Amino acid sequence: MWLDLLYPRECELCGKAIVEPELDAICYPCDERMEWIGGRTCRRCGAMLPPAVEDESRCLECAGREIAFKAAVAAGRYAGRVRELVHRFKFRRRMHLGKLFASRIVRQIREAGWLESIDLLVPVPTPVLRILDRSYAAAEVLAMRLSGELDRPWKRGLAIARSARSQTDLSGAERLKNPVGAFRASPKKVRGKGILLIDDVLTTGATANECTRVLRDAGANQVWLAVIGR
């Protein structure tokens, strides 16, 4: 309380002072305008479902797509304010936003009902040059936060096997091919484990699919996916 008086916390989005002790990144009005995912979601890819859709096993967004992981959850839609905060988290060193994202992801995981199957959290690895540029790996920060809230350990069970171009610079067709062969897994760390794969964003699913295949080849029992935006 005294620290808040000396160093007032400001909302990342509107800049107004945050007075609620339970909040530390965005204020209540901004939180209510965030593109968070809530309600009924696709059990396969984590997308929010329209009220008219009855089948929760798949949706129009993932129908016909190859999905190697068992299921996915996401904190929000990768648009608007969620997208802005993801960019700040990844590129502007707003490490404290990991707590906000983790709390939302935890809600989705608990509602999905597969927490008991998770033994280990594994972040998608970030190339060393990007870590040097950004000071930290966003997926690892998120994994640390989730590890504490879910009471599950996290490990660097994946590593970079070859350099690959950033997915953001590629076309849809290029994104599907780019991650192939880019990762390797540690059998010693992942064998026999139920893995929660952690990444910042799910778009085509190519990176998550490749990481899942590598983890399964290394002996992981099953792989689920958690991301901030999709």
C-alpha atoms as a PDB file:
ATOM      1  CA  MET A   1       0.000   0.000   0.000  1.00  0.00           C
ATOM      2  CA  TRP A   2       2.759   2.458   0.953  1.00  0.00           C
ATOM      3  CA  LEU A   3       4.687   1.559  -2.188  1.00  0.00           C
ATOM      4  CA  ASP A   4       1.607   2.392  -4.262  1.00  0.00           C
ATOM      5  CA  LEU A   5       1.599   5.858  -2.715  1.00  0.00           C
ATOM      6  CA  LEU A   6       5.277   6.376  -3.437  1.00  0.00           C
ATOM      7  CA  TYR A   7       5.310   4.672  -6.838  1.00  0.00           C
ATOM      8  CA  PRO A   8       1.750   4.688  -8.282  1.00  0.00           C
ATOM      9  CA  ARG A   9       1.050   1.861 -10.677  1.00  0.00           C
ATOM     10  CA  GLU A  10      -0.220   2.972 -14.082  1.00  0.00           C
ATOM     11  CA  CYS A  11      -2.394   1.082 -16.525  1.00  0.00           C
ATOM     12  CA  GLU A  12      -0.390  -0.164 -19.515  1.00  0.00           C
ATOM     13  CA  LEU A  13      -3.166   0.888 -21.895  1.00  0.00           C
ATOM     14  CA  CYS A  14      -4.690   4.151 -20.659  1.00  0.00           C
ATOM     15  CA  GLY A  15      -1.971   5.400 -18.285  1.00  0.00           C
ATOM     16  CA  LYS A  16      -4.381   6.022 -15.406  1.00  0.00           C
ATOM     17  CA  ALA A  17      -3.401   5.086 -11.870  1.00  0.00           C
ATOM     18  CA  ILE A  18      -4.325   1.574 -10.715  1.00  0.00           C
ATOM     19  CA  VAL A  19      -5.759   1.752  -7.214  1.00  0.00           C
ATOM     20  CA  GLU A  20      -7.053  -1.818  -6.844  1.00  0.00           C
ATOM     21  CA  PRO A  21      -4.465  -3.936  -4.948  1.00  0.00           C
ATOM     22  CA  GLU A  22      -5.308  -7.074  -6.935  1.00  0.00           C
ATOM     23  CA  LEU A  23      -4.405  -5.430 -10.257  1.00  0.00           C
ATOM     24  CA  ASP A  24      -0.914  -4.561 -11.434  1.00  0.00           C
ATOM     25  CA  ALA A  25      -0.921  -4.187 -15.221  1.00  0.00           C
ATOM     26  CA  ILE A  26      -4.220  -2.804 -16.498  1.00  0.00           C
ATOM     27  CA  CYS A  27      -7.179  -1.101 -14.828  1.00  0.00           C
ATOM     28  CA  TYR A  28     -10.675  -2.560 -14.595  1.00  0.00           C
ATOM     29  CA  PRO A  29     -12.190  -0.448 -17.415  1.00  0.00           C
ATOM     30  CA  CYS A  30      -9.415  -1.486 -19.811  1.00  0.00           C
ATOM     31  CA  ASP A  31      -9.642  -5.116 -18.694  1.00  0.00           C
ATOM     32  CA  GLU A  32     -13.342  -5.122 -19.564  1.00  0.00           C
ATOM     33  CA  ARG A  33     -12.506  -3.944 -23.088  1.00  0.00           C
ATOM     34  CA  MET A  34      -9.804  -6.560 -23.664  1.00  0.00           C
ATOM     35  CA  GLU A  35     -10.375  -9.219 -26.321  1.00  0.00           C
ATOM     36  CA  TRP A  36     -10.230 -12.021 -23.751  1.00  0.00           C
ATOM     37  CA  ILE A  37     -11.614 -15.409 -24.720  1.00  0.00           C
ATOM     38  CA  GLY A  38     -14.441 -16.566 -22.482  1.00  0.00           C
ATOM     39  CA  GLY A  39     -17.484 -18.782 -22.448  1.00  0.00           C
ATOM     40  CA  ARG A  40     -17.688 -21.802 -24.744  1.00  0.00           C
ATOM     41  CA  THR A  41     -14.518 -22.580 -26.681  1.00  0.00           C
ATOM     42  CA  CYS A  42     -13.418 -25.101 -29.279  1.00  0.00           C
ATOM     43  CA  ARG A  43     -11.885 -28.033 -27.400  1.00  0.00           C
ATOM     44  CA  ARG A  44      -9.441 -28.586 -30.280  1.00  0.00           C
ATOM     45  CA  CYS A  45      -7.929 -25.137 -30.942  1.00  0.00           C
ATOM     46  CA  GLY A  46      -9.196 -22.891 -28.119  1.00  0.00           C
ATOM     47  CA  ALA A  47     -11.174 -20.445 -30.287  1.00  0.00           C
ATOM     48  CA  MET A  48     -14.278 -18.832 -28.807  1.00  0.00           C
ATOM     49  CA  LEU A  49     -17.450 -20.372 -30.250  1.00  0.00           C
ATOM     50  CA  PRO A  50     -20.524 -18.452 -31.438  1.00  0.00           C
ATOM     51  CA  PRO A  51     -23.742 -19.246 -29.521  1.00  0.00           C
ATOM     52  CA  ALA A  52     -25.238 -21.062 -32.522  1.00  0.00           C
ATOM     53  CA  VAL A  53     -22.429 -23.641 -32.681  1.00  0.00           C
ATOM     54  CA  GLU A  54     -23.311 -26.792 -30.734  1.00  0.00           C
ATOM     55  CA  ASP A  55     -20.296 -29.010 -31.498  1.00  0.00           C
ATOM     56  CA  GLU A  56     -17.362 -28.019 -29.266  1.00  0.00           C
ATOM     57  CA  SER A  57     -15.012 -30.703 -30.639  1.00  0.00           C
ATOM     58  CA  ARG A  58     -13.893 -28.496 -33.540  1.00  0.00           C
ATOM     59  CA  CYS A  59     -14.746 -25.171 -35.157  1.00  0.00           C
ATOM     60  CA  LEU A  60     -14.596 -23.419 -38.518  1.00  0.00           C
ATOM     61  CA  GLU A  61     -11.170 -21.997 -37.665  1.00  0.00           C
ATOM     62  CA  CYS A  62      -9.519 -25.400 -37.212  1.00  0.00           C
ATOM     63  CA  ALA A  63     -11.714 -27.629 -39.405  1.00  0.00           C
ATOM     64  CA  GLY A  64      -9.580 -29.184 -42.131  1.00  0.00           C
ATOM     65  CA  ARG A  65      -6.309 -28.089 -40.507  1.00  0.00           C
ATOM     66  CA  GLU A  66      -3.616 -30.447 -39.307  1.00  0.00           C
ATOM     67  CA  ILE A  67      -3.320 -30.179 -35.537  1.00  0.00           C
ATOM     68  CA  ALA A  68      -0.692 -32.383 -33.879  1.00  0.00           C
ATOM     69  CA  PHE A  69      -1.282 -31.281 -30.275  1.00  0.00           C
ATOM     70  CA  LYS A  70      -4.177 -32.769 -28.329  1.00  0.00           C
ATOM     71  CA  ALA A  71      -5.931 -29.494 -27.455  1.00  0.00           C
ATOM     72  CA  ALA A  72      -5.228 -25.791 -26.971  1.00  0.00           C
ATOM     73  CA  VAL A  73      -6.273 -22.842 -24.837  1.00  0.00           C
ATOM     74  CA  ALA A  74      -5.685 -19.138 -25.381  1.00  0.00           C
ATOM     75  CA  ALA A  75      -6.060 -16.099 -23.147  1.00  0.00           C
ATOM     76  CA  GLY A  76      -7.533 -13.937 -25.885  1.00  0.00           C
ATOM     77  CA  ARG A  77      -7.962 -13.168 -29.546  1.00  0.00           C
ATOM     78  CA  TYR A  78      -4.793 -11.860 -31.174  1.00  0.00           C
ATOM     79  CA  ALA A  79      -6.312  -8.480 -31.992  1.00  0.00           C
ATOM     80  CA  GLY A  80      -6.692  -4.981 -30.637  1.00  0.00           C
ATOM     81  CA  ARG A  81      -5.592  -4.541 -27.033  1.00  0.00           C
ATOM     82  CA  VAL A  82      -4.448  -8.148 -26.591  1.00  0.00           C
ATOM     83  CA  ARG A  83      -2.176  -7.796 -29.600  1.00  0.00           C
ATOM     84  CA  GLU A  84      -0.812  -4.498 -28.285  1.00  0.00           C
ATOM     85  CA  LEU A  85       0.058  -6.009 -24.905  1.00  0.00           C
ATOM     86  CA  VAL A  86       1.645  -9.083 -26.508  1.00  0.00           C
ATOM     87  CA  HIS A  87       3.901  -6.770 -28.509  1.00  0.00           C
ATOM     88  CA  ARG A  88       4.845  -4.851 -25.368  1.00  0.00           C
ATOM     89  CA  PHE A  89       5.545  -8.119 -23.572  1.00  0.00           C
ATOM     90  CA  LYS A  90       7.760  -9.446 -26.377  1.00  0.00           C
ATOM     91  CA  PHE A  91       9.457  -6.359 -27.781  1.00  0.00           C
ATOM     92  CA  ARG A  92       9.304  -3.596 -25.155  1.00  0.00           C
ATOM     93  CA  ARG A  93      10.513  -5.517 -22.088  1.00  0.00           C
ATOM     94  CA  ARG A  94       7.206  -5.389 -20.183  1.00  0.00           C
ATOM     95  CA  MET A  95       8.027  -8.619 -18.373  1.00  0.00           C
ATOM     96  CA  HIS A  96       5.414  -8.009 -15.665  1.00  0.00           C
ATOM     97  CA  LEU A  97       2.654  -8.581 -18.244  1.00  0.00           C
ATOM     98  CA  GLY A  98       3.433 -12.292 -17.976  1.00  0.00           C
ATOM     99  CA  LYS A  99       1.465 -12.365 -14.714  1.00  0.00           C
ATOM    100  CA  LEU A 100      -1.634 -10.923 -16.411  1.00  0.00           C
ATOM    101  CA  PHE A 101      -1.463 -13.382 -19.311  1.00  0.00           C
ATOM    102  CA  ALA A 102      -0.770 -16.364 -17.052  1.00  0.00           C
ATOM    103  CA  SER A 103      -3.803 -15.668 -14.872  1.00  0.00           C
ATOM    104  CA  ARG A 104      -6.057 -15.714 -17.942  1.00  0.00           C
ATOM    105  CA  ILE A 105      -4.506 -18.875 -19.348  1.00  0.00           C
ATOM    106  CA  VAL A 106      -4.896 -20.651 -16.001  1.00  0.00           C
ATOM    107  CA  ARG A 107      -8.646 -19.952 -16.081  1.00  0.00           C
ATOM    108  CA  GLN A 108      -8.915 -21.575 -19.496  1.00  0.00           C
ATOM    109  CA  ILE A 109      -6.851 -24.614 -18.511  1.00  0.00           C
ATOM    110  CA  ARG A 110      -8.956 -25.240 -15.405  1.00  0.00           C
ATOM    111  CA  GLU A 111     -12.172 -24.934 -17.413  1.00  0.00           C
ATOM    112  CA  ALA A 112     -10.797 -27.288 -20.090  1.00  0.00           C
ATOM    113  CA  GLY A 113     -10.358 -29.959 -17.430  1.00  0.00           C
ATOM    114  CA  TRP A 114      -7.031 -31.464 -18.460  1.00  0.00           C
ATOM    115  CA  LEU A 115      -4.735 -29.980 -15.809  1.00  0.00           C
ATOM    116  CA  GLU A 116      -4.355 -33.349 -14.062  1.00  0.00           C
ATOM    117  CA  SER A 117      -2.822 -34.788 -17.243  1.00  0.00           C
ATOM    118  CA  ILE A 118      -0.041 -32.163 -17.291  1.00  0.00           C
ATOM    119  CA  ASP A 119       3.311 -33.150 -15.765  1.00  0.00           C
ATOM    120  CA  LEU A 120       5.656 -30.571 -17.240  1.00  0.00           C
ATOM    121  CA  LEU A 121       5.571 -27.136 -18.891  1.00  0.00           C
ATOM    122  CA  VAL A 122       7.868 -26.616 -21.897  1.00  0.00           C
ATOM    123  CA  PRO A 123       8.232 -23.215 -23.617  1.00  0.00           C
ATOM    124  CA  VAL A 124       8.837 -22.915 -27.337  1.00  0.00           C
ATOM    125  CA  PRO A 125      12.522 -21.873 -27.521  1.00  0.00           C
ATOM    126  CA  THR A 126      13.592 -18.434 -28.720  1.00  0.00           C
ATOM    127  CA  PRO A 127      16.716 -18.027 -30.897  1.00  0.00           C
ATOM    128  CA  VAL A 128      19.680 -16.616 -28.974  1.00  0.00           C
ATOM    129  CA  LEU A 129      19.979 -13.499 -31.131  1.00  0.00           C
ATOM    130  CA  ARG A 130      16.380 -12.559 -30.382  1.00  0.00           C
ATOM    131  CA  ILE A 131      16.938 -13.081 -26.657  1.00  0.00           C
ATOM    132  CA  LEU A 132      19.969 -10.772 -26.808  1.00  0.00           C
ATOM    133  CA  ASP A 133      17.864  -8.171 -28.585  1.00  0.00           C
ATOM    134  CA  ARG A 134      14.858  -8.450 -26.224  1.00  0.00           C
ATOM    135  CA  SER A 135      16.729  -9.281 -22.964  1.00  0.00           C
ATOM    136  CA  TYR A 136      14.547 -12.321 -22.250  1.00  0.00           C
ATOM    137  CA  ALA A 137      12.489 -15.081 -23.872  1.00  0.00           C
ATOM    138  CA  ALA A 138       8.787 -14.261 -23.552  1.00  0.00           C
ATOM    139  CA  ALA A 139       7.673 -17.912 -23.685  1.00  0.00           C
ATOM    140  CA  GLU A 140      10.011 -18.747 -20.792  1.00  0.00           C
ATOM    141  CA  VAL A 141       8.721 -15.865 -18.674  1.00  0.00           C
ATOM    142  CA  LEU A 142       5.175 -17.080 -19.326  1.00  0.00           C
ATOM    143  CA  ALA A 143       6.159 -20.666 -18.470  1.00  0.00           C
ATOM    144  CA  MET A 144       7.654 -19.496 -15.155  1.00  0.00           C
ATOM    145  CA  ARG A 145       4.451 -17.659 -14.263  1.00  0.00           C
ATOM    146  CA  LEU A 146       2.251 -20.602 -15.242  1.00  0.00           C
ATOM    147  CA  SER A 147       4.475 -23.025 -13.367  1.00  0.00           C
ATOM    148  CA  GLY A 148       3.828 -21.154 -10.128  1.00  0.00           C
ATOM    149  CA  GLU A 149       0.079 -20.873 -10.649  1.00  0.00           C
ATOM    150  CA  LEU A 150      -0.451 -24.455 -11.861  1.00  0.00           C
ATOM    151  CA  ASP A 151       2.011 -26.051  -9.414  1.00  0.00           C
ATOM    152  CA  ARG A 152       3.811 -27.839 -12.241  1.00  0.00           C
ATOM    153  CA  PRO A 153       7.562 -27.670 -13.052  1.00  0.00           C
ATOM    154  CA  TRP A 154       8.873 -26.116 -16.239  1.00  0.00           C
ATOM    155  CA  LYS A 155      11.983 -27.095 -18.175  1.00  0.00           C
ATOM    156  CA  ARG A 156      13.743 -26.204 -21.398  1.00  0.00           C
ATOM    157  CA  GLY A 157      12.702 -29.475 -22.984  1.00  0.00           C
ATOM    158  CA  LEU A 158      13.083 -28.038 -26.493  1.00  0.00           C
ATOM    159  CA  ALA A 159      16.067 -26.380 -28.152  1.00  0.00           C
ATOM    160  CA  ILE A 160      16.790 -24.733 -31.500  1.00  0.00           C
ATOM    161  CA  ALA A 161      18.134 -27.295 -33.984  1.00  0.00           C
ATOM    162  CA  ARG A 162      18.635 -24.911 -36.897  1.00  0.00           C
ATOM    163  CA  SER A 163      18.030 -21.240 -37.583  1.00  0.00           C
ATOM    164  CA  ALA A 164      14.654 -20.379 -39.049  1.00  0.00           C
ATOM    165  CA  ARG A 165      13.182 -17.126 -40.262  1.00  0.00           C
ATOM    166  CA  SER A 166      10.697 -15.257 -38.093  1.00  0.00           C
ATOM    167  CA  GLN A 167       7.154 -16.442 -38.821  1.00  0.00           C
ATOM    168  CA  THR A 168       5.914 -12.845 -38.892  1.00  0.00           C
ATOM    169  CA  ASP A 169       7.857 -12.144 -42.093  1.00  0.00           C
ATOM    170  CA  LEU A 170       6.443 -15.072 -44.081  1.00  0.00           C
ATOM    171  CA  SER A 171       3.392 -15.863 -46.174  1.00  0.00           C
ATOM    172  CA  GLY A 172       0.893 -18.485 -45.032  1.00  0.00           C
ATOM    173  CA  ALA A 173       2.420 -21.213 -47.205  1.00  0.00           C
ATOM    174  CA  GLU A 174       5.956 -20.325 -46.062  1.00  0.00           C
ATOM    175  CA  ARG A 175       4.890 -20.390 -42.409  1.00  0.00           C
ATOM    176  CA  LEU A 176       3.770 -24.002 -42.719  1.00  0.00           C
ATOM    177  CA  LYS A 177       7.205 -25.128 -43.976  1.00  0.00           C
ATOM    178  CA  ASN A 178       9.510 -22.798 -42.036  1.00  0.00           C
ATOM    179  CA  PRO A 179       9.532 -24.584 -38.610  1.00  0.00           C
ATOM    180  CA  VAL A 180      10.148 -28.092 -39.997  1.00  0.00           C
ATOM    181  CA  GLY A 181      13.434 -29.375 -38.564  1.00  0.00           C
ATOM    182  CA  ALA A 182      13.952 -26.211 -36.499  1.00  0.00           C
ATOM    183  CA  PHE A 183      13.624 -27.868 -33.064  1.00  0.00           C
ATOM    184  CA  ARG A 184      14.985 -30.793 -31.096  1.00  0.00           C
ATOM    185  CA  ALA A 185      13.733 -32.236 -27.814  1.00  0.00           C
ATOM    186  CA  SER A 186      15.504 -33.725 -24.804  1.00  0.00           C
ATOM    187  CA  PRO A 187      14.244 -37.295 -24.255  1.00  0.00           C
ATOM    188  CA  LYS A 188      15.703 -37.237 -20.748  1.00  0.00           C
ATOM    189  CA  LYS A 189      13.455 -34.312 -19.805  1.00  0.00           C
ATOM    190  CA  VAL A 190      10.222 -35.140 -21.644  1.00  0.00           C
ATOM    191  CA  ARG A 191       9.996 -38.919 -21.915  1.00  0.00           C
ATOM    192  CA  GLY A 192       6.827 -40.283 -20.329  1.00  0.00           C
ATOM    193  CA  LYS A 193       5.502 -36.798 -19.510  1.00  0.00           C
ATOM    194  CA  GLY A 194       2.268 -35.031 -20.292  1.00  0.00           C
ATOM    195  CA  ILE A 195       3.547 -31.752 -21.752  1.00  0.00           C
ATOM    196  CA  LEU A 196       1.986 -28.305 -21.739  1.00  0.00           C
ATOM    197  CA  LEU A 197       3.679 -26.476 -24.607  1.00  0.00           C
ATOM    198  CA  ILE A 198       3.880 -22.704 -24.035  1.00  0.00           C
ATOM    199  CA  ASP A 199       4.029 -20.052 -26.756  1.00  0.00           C
ATOM    200  CA  ASP A 200       2.929 -16.460 -27.202  1.00  0.00           C
ATOM    201  CA  VAL A 201       0.694 -16.674 -30.293  1.00  0.00           C
ATOM    202  CA  LEU A 202      -1.071 -19.382 -32.325  1.00  0.00           C
ATOM    203  CA  THR A 203      -1.673 -18.504 -35.979  1.00  0.00           C
ATOM    204  CA  THR A 204      -1.186 -21.254 -38.571  1.00  0.00           C
ATOM    205  CA  GLY A 205      -0.169 -23.755 -35.872  1.00  0.00           C
ATOM    206  CA  ALA A 206       2.970 -24.745 -37.803  1.00  0.00           C
ATOM    207  CA  THR A 207       5.393 -24.035 -34.953  1.00  0.00           C
ATOM    208  CA  ALA A 208       3.211 -25.757 -32.356  1.00  0.00           C
ATOM    209  CA  ASN A 209       2.728 -28.754 -34.645  1.00  0.00           C
ATOM    210  CA  GLU A 210       6.449 -29.150 -35.235  1.00  0.00           C
ATOM    211  CA  CYS A 211       7.267 -28.799 -31.530  1.00  0.00           C
ATOM    212  CA  THR A 212       4.574 -31.365 -30.730  1.00  0.00           C
ATOM    213  CA  ARG A 213       5.949 -33.872 -33.238  1.00  0.00           C
ATOM    214  CA  VAL A 214       9.469 -33.467 -31.870  1.00  0.00           C
ATOM    215  CA  LEU A 215       8.276 -33.882 -28.283  1.00  0.00           C
ATOM    216  CA  ARG A 216       6.274 -36.978 -29.133  1.00  0.00           C
ATOM    217  CA  ASP A 217       9.236 -38.469 -31.031  1.00  0.00           C
ATOM    218  CA  ALA A 218      11.335 -37.882 -27.889  1.00  0.00           C
ATOM    219  CA  GLY A 219       8.882 -39.934 -25.833  1.00  0.00           C
ATOM    220  CA  ALA A 220       6.355 -37.420 -24.466  1.00  0.00           C
ATOM    221  CA  ASN A 221       3.010 -39.056 -23.731  1.00  0.00           C
ATOM    222  CA  GLN A 222       0.840 -36.228 -25.002  1.00  0.00           C
ATOM    223  CA  VAL A 223       1.116 -32.513 -25.735  1.00  0.00           C
ATOM    224  CA  TRP A 224      -1.340 -29.714 -24.990  1.00  0.00           C
ATOM    225  CA  LEU A 225      -0.844 -26.089 -26.001  1.00  0.00           C
ATOM    226  CA  ALA A 226      -1.315 -22.788 -24.140  1.00  0.00           C
ATOM    227  CA  VAL A 227      -0.854 -19.396 -25.805  1.00  0.00           C
ATOM    228  CA  ILE A 228      -1.644 -15.760 -25.072  1.00  0.00           C
ATOM    229  CA  GLY A 229      -3.343 -14.956 -28.378  1.00  0.00           C
ATOM    230  CA  ARG A 230      -4.826 -16.862 -31.274  1.00  0.00           C
END
